[in-house]
Amino acid sequence: WRVRAGLSTGFKAPSFNDLYFPDDPFYGGGNPNLKPETSRNREAGIHYDTAATSASLTVYRNRVDNLILWRPDDPSDPWNFSWHPDNVGKARLEGVTLAGRHVVGDVTLRASLDVQDHTDETTGKQLILRARRHGSVGFDHKIGQLTWGAEVFASGARYNDAENTQKLGGYATLGLRADYRLDKELTFFARAG
């Protein structure tokens, strides 16, 4: 068993593209008036680990001033591809992450679940394009030098606009992978998803 806790502060300057990407009516552009992000972060967790099984629970709460967030210029238009970055004055990012892994013979099973709340504290609305819940389940199967596996990732609904009036449905994806190890220094791999 391991227990951990942490307090930290953070700083993120806008990237060159955030500030100066050439403005285009179809794709959007940068925003030279962006301010850098600053944050105060708290996190605590507990972790259990054996040769065959591991599990962890993490709880976090972050407060971010001037969060840099790319937004669509017209979220009501499904054919709008023009986005610009903007600052969210005060944001709160908090949640719980549960993850686990278990080995049964040559098969490794994995699962994770995130339950989170990402809020614009000025408006009380959910931040755009951030689902409150998402998770995954997957496995890897080792057969000699070949390892293959699959993973299903599912995300809940999220909002496409800052006013939280345009809800985007949840979705799920399936990813497949295979690795073949020829020797200690050479491995071929393929991914699809």
Protein backbone atom coordinates (compact mmCIF):
# COMPACT_ATOMS: atom_id res chain seq x y z
CA TRP A 1 0.00 0.00 0.00
CA ARG A 2 1.12 3.55 -0.71
CA VAL A 3 -0.54 6.81 0.27
CA ARG A 4 0.38 10.12 -1.31
CA ALA A 5 -0.63 13.74 -1.07
CA GLY A 6 0.58 16.82 -2.86
CA LEU A 7 0.20 20.57 -3.08
CA SER A 8 1.62 22.51 -5.99
CA THR A 9 1.35 25.65 -8.03
CA GLY A 10 1.61 25.90 -11.79
CA PHE A 11 2.26 28.41 -14.55
CA LYS A 12 1.61 28.00 -18.28
CA ALA A 13 2.46 30.67 -20.80
CA PRO A 14 0.39 30.82 -24.00
CA SER A 15 2.09 29.01 -26.90
CA PHE A 16 3.21 30.83 -30.02
CA ASN A 17 0.19 29.40 -31.88
CA ASP A 18 -2.16 30.44 -29.05
CA LEU A 19 -0.95 34.01 -29.49
CA TYR A 20 -0.06 34.46 -33.15
CA PHE A 21 -1.51 31.70 -35.34
CA PRO A 22 -2.51 33.52 -38.56
CA ASP A 23 -6.20 34.43 -38.54
CA ASP A 24 -8.23 32.59 -41.16
CA PRO A 25 -12.02 32.87 -41.53
CA PHE A 26 -12.32 29.12 -42.00
CA TYR A 27 -9.92 27.80 -39.32
CA GLY A 28 -9.68 30.63 -36.79
CA GLY A 29 -6.45 31.96 -35.38
CA GLY A 30 -4.49 33.10 -32.36
CA ASN A 31 -5.27 35.70 -29.72
CA PRO A 32 -2.39 38.09 -28.87
CA ASN A 33 -4.28 39.30 -25.77
CA LEU A 34 -4.09 35.97 -23.91
CA LYS A 35 -2.80 35.98 -20.34
CA PRO A 36 -0.73 33.13 -18.87
CA GLU A 37 -2.44 30.49 -16.72
CA THR A 38 -1.63 30.11 -13.03
CA SER A 39 -2.92 27.28 -10.86
CA ARG A 40 -3.07 25.91 -7.33
CA ASN A 41 -3.33 22.13 -7.24
CA ARG A 42 -4.18 19.62 -4.50
CA GLU A 43 -4.11 15.85 -4.92
CA ALA A 44 -4.34 12.79 -2.66
CA GLY A 45 -4.29 9.14 -3.53
CA ILE A 46 -3.96 5.59 -2.33
CA HIS A 47 -2.33 2.81 -4.33
CA TYR A 48 -2.36 -0.98 -3.83
CA ASP A 49 0.13 -3.14 -5.70
CA THR A 50 1.03 -6.86 -5.89
CA ALA A 51 2.68 -8.89 -8.64
CA ALA A 52 -0.72 -9.66 -10.22
CA THR A 53 -2.98 -6.80 -9.13
CA SER A 54 -2.81 -3.04 -8.77
CA ALA A 55 -5.50 -0.51 -7.93
CA SER A 56 -5.46 3.21 -7.24
CA LEU A 57 -7.82 5.95 -6.15
CA THR A 58 -6.88 9.60 -6.74
CA VAL A 59 -8.81 12.69 -5.66
CA TYR A 60 -7.84 16.13 -6.98
CA ARG A 61 -8.95 19.75 -6.85
CA ASN A 62 -7.28 22.42 -8.99
CA ARG A 63 -8.08 26.11 -9.27
CA VAL A 64 -6.86 27.83 -12.42
CA ASP A 65 -6.77 31.56 -13.11
CA ASN A 66 -6.89 32.57 -16.80
CA LEU A 67 -7.32 29.01 -18.09
CA ILE A 68 -6.48 29.00 -21.82
CA LEU A 69 -9.37 27.38 -23.69
CA TRP A 70 -9.97 27.18 -27.46
CA ARG A 71 -13.61 27.97 -28.30
CA PRO A 72 -15.59 27.76 -31.54
CA ASP A 73 -16.51 31.18 -32.96
CA ASP A 74 -20.10 30.04 -33.59
CA PRO A 75 -20.91 26.86 -31.61
CA SER A 76 -24.47 26.80 -32.99
CA ASP A 77 -23.20 26.21 -36.55
CA PRO A 78 -22.22 22.54 -37.08
CA TRP A 79 -20.17 23.57 -40.13
CA ASN A 80 -18.17 26.19 -38.21
CA PHE A 81 -14.50 25.20 -37.98
CA SER A 82 -13.22 28.60 -36.85
CA TRP A 83 -11.79 28.54 -33.31
CA HIS A 84 -9.92 31.11 -31.22
CA PRO A 85 -8.30 30.78 -27.78
CA ASP A 86 -9.59 32.77 -24.83
CA ASN A 87 -9.01 32.98 -21.08
CA VAL A 88 -11.51 31.63 -18.55
CA GLY A 89 -11.06 34.00 -15.59
CA LYS A 90 -11.40 31.39 -12.84
CA ALA A 91 -11.85 27.65 -13.33
CA ARG A 92 -12.21 24.77 -10.90
CA LEU A 93 -11.13 21.27 -11.97
CA GLU A 94 -11.94 18.55 -9.46
CA GLY A 95 -12.61 14.86 -9.56
CA VAL A 96 -11.87 11.27 -8.68
CA THR A 97 -9.93 8.71 -10.73
CA LEU A 98 -10.17 4.98 -10.06
CA ALA A 99 -7.87 2.61 -11.95
CA GLY A 100 -7.03 -1.07 -11.75
CA ARG A 101 -5.04 -3.84 -13.40
CA HIS A 102 -5.10 -7.62 -12.89
CA VAL A 103 -2.99 -10.35 -14.53
CA VAL A 104 -4.53 -13.77 -15.18
CA GLY A 105 -2.00 -16.09 -16.81
CA ASP A 106 -0.92 -14.43 -20.07
CA VAL A 107 -3.75 -11.87 -20.03
CA THR A 108 -3.61 -8.43 -18.39
CA LEU A 109 -6.97 -6.79 -17.70
CA ARG A 110 -7.21 -3.00 -17.19
CA ALA A 111 -9.96 -0.55 -16.31
CA SER A 112 -10.25 3.10 -15.29
CA LEU A 113 -13.03 5.52 -14.44
CA ASP A 114 -12.90 9.32 -14.09
CA VAL A 115 -15.70 11.30 -12.48
CA GLN A 116 -14.96 15.01 -12.68
CA ASP A 117 -16.37 18.50 -12.51
CA HIS A 118 -14.77 21.24 -14.62
CA THR A 119 -16.48 24.54 -13.85
CA ASP A 120 -16.12 28.15 -14.97
CA GLU A 121 -16.42 29.72 -11.52
CA THR A 122 -17.47 33.09 -12.94
CA THR A 123 -20.60 31.67 -14.62
CA GLY A 124 -21.07 28.41 -12.71
CA LYS A 125 -21.25 26.56 -16.05
CA GLN A 126 -19.34 23.45 -17.14
CA LEU A 127 -16.25 24.11 -19.27
CA ILE A 128 -16.75 23.28 -22.93
CA LEU A 129 -15.87 19.90 -24.43
CA ARG A 130 -15.15 18.28 -21.05
CA ALA A 131 -17.28 15.29 -20.07
CA ARG A 132 -18.10 14.68 -16.42
CA ARG A 133 -17.48 10.95 -16.79
CA HIS A 134 -15.22 8.82 -18.93
CA GLY A 135 -13.64 5.43 -18.57
CA SER A 136 -11.98 2.54 -20.31
CA VAL A 137 -11.68 -1.24 -20.15
CA GLY A 138 -9.12 -3.28 -22.01
CA PHE A 139 -6.83 -6.26 -22.09
CA ASP A 140 -3.47 -7.44 -23.44
CA HIS A 141 -2.76 -11.07 -24.31
CA LYS A 142 0.85 -12.27 -24.59
CA ILE A 143 1.55 -15.28 -26.82
CA GLY A 144 5.28 -15.86 -27.07
CA GLN A 145 6.78 -12.79 -28.74
CA LEU A 146 3.36 -11.46 -29.81
CA THR A 147 1.24 -9.24 -27.58
CA TRP A 148 -2.18 -8.17 -28.80
CA GLY A 149 -5.02 -6.36 -27.11
CA ALA A 150 -8.04 -4.14 -27.29
CA GLU A 151 -9.48 -1.23 -25.34
CA VAL A 152 -12.90 0.41 -25.25
CA PHE A 153 -12.99 4.07 -24.21
CA ALA A 154 -16.33 5.69 -23.38
CA SER A 155 -17.08 9.34 -22.67
CA GLY A 156 -20.24 10.95 -21.35
CA ALA A 157 -22.01 13.99 -22.76
CA ARG A 158 -20.32 17.41 -22.81
CA TYR A 159 -21.20 20.93 -23.91
CA ASN A 160 -20.10 22.69 -27.09
CA ASP A 161 -20.77 26.22 -25.82
CA ALA A 162 -19.94 28.24 -22.71
CA GLU A 163 -23.65 28.77 -21.91
CA ASN A 164 -24.18 24.95 -21.68
CA THR A 165 -27.12 24.96 -24.09
CA GLN A 166 -25.63 22.78 -26.85
CA LYS A 167 -25.08 19.30 -25.52
CA LEU A 168 -22.93 16.86 -27.45
CA GLY A 169 -23.77 13.20 -26.91
CA GLY A 170 -21.45 10.68 -25.36
CA TYR A 171 -19.39 8.35 -27.50
CA ALA A 172 -17.27 5.20 -27.36
CA THR A 173 -14.23 4.09 -29.35
CA LEU A 174 -12.56 0.73 -29.82
CA GLY A 175 -8.79 0.52 -30.16
CA LEU A 176 -6.86 -2.57 -31.29
CA ARG A 177 -3.12 -3.10 -31.04
CA ALA A 178 -0.46 -5.73 -31.65
CA ASP A 179 3.28 -5.84 -30.92
CA TYR A 180 5.75 -8.44 -32.16
CA ARG A 181 9.16 -8.48 -30.51
CA LEU A 182 11.88 -9.73 -32.86
CA ASP A 183 14.70 -9.29 -30.33
CA LYS A 184 15.69 -7.09 -27.37
CA GLU A 185 16.09 -4.03 -29.57
CA LEU A 186 13.49 -4.43 -32.35
CA THR A 187 9.71 -4.56 -32.05
CA PHE A 188 7.08 -4.19 -34.78
CA PHE A 189 3.74 -2.73 -33.73
CA ALA A 190 0.38 -1.85 -35.27
CA ARG A 191 -2.47 0.27 -33.92
CA ALA A 192 -6.04 0.81 -35.13
CA GLY A 193 -8.90 2.65 -33.52
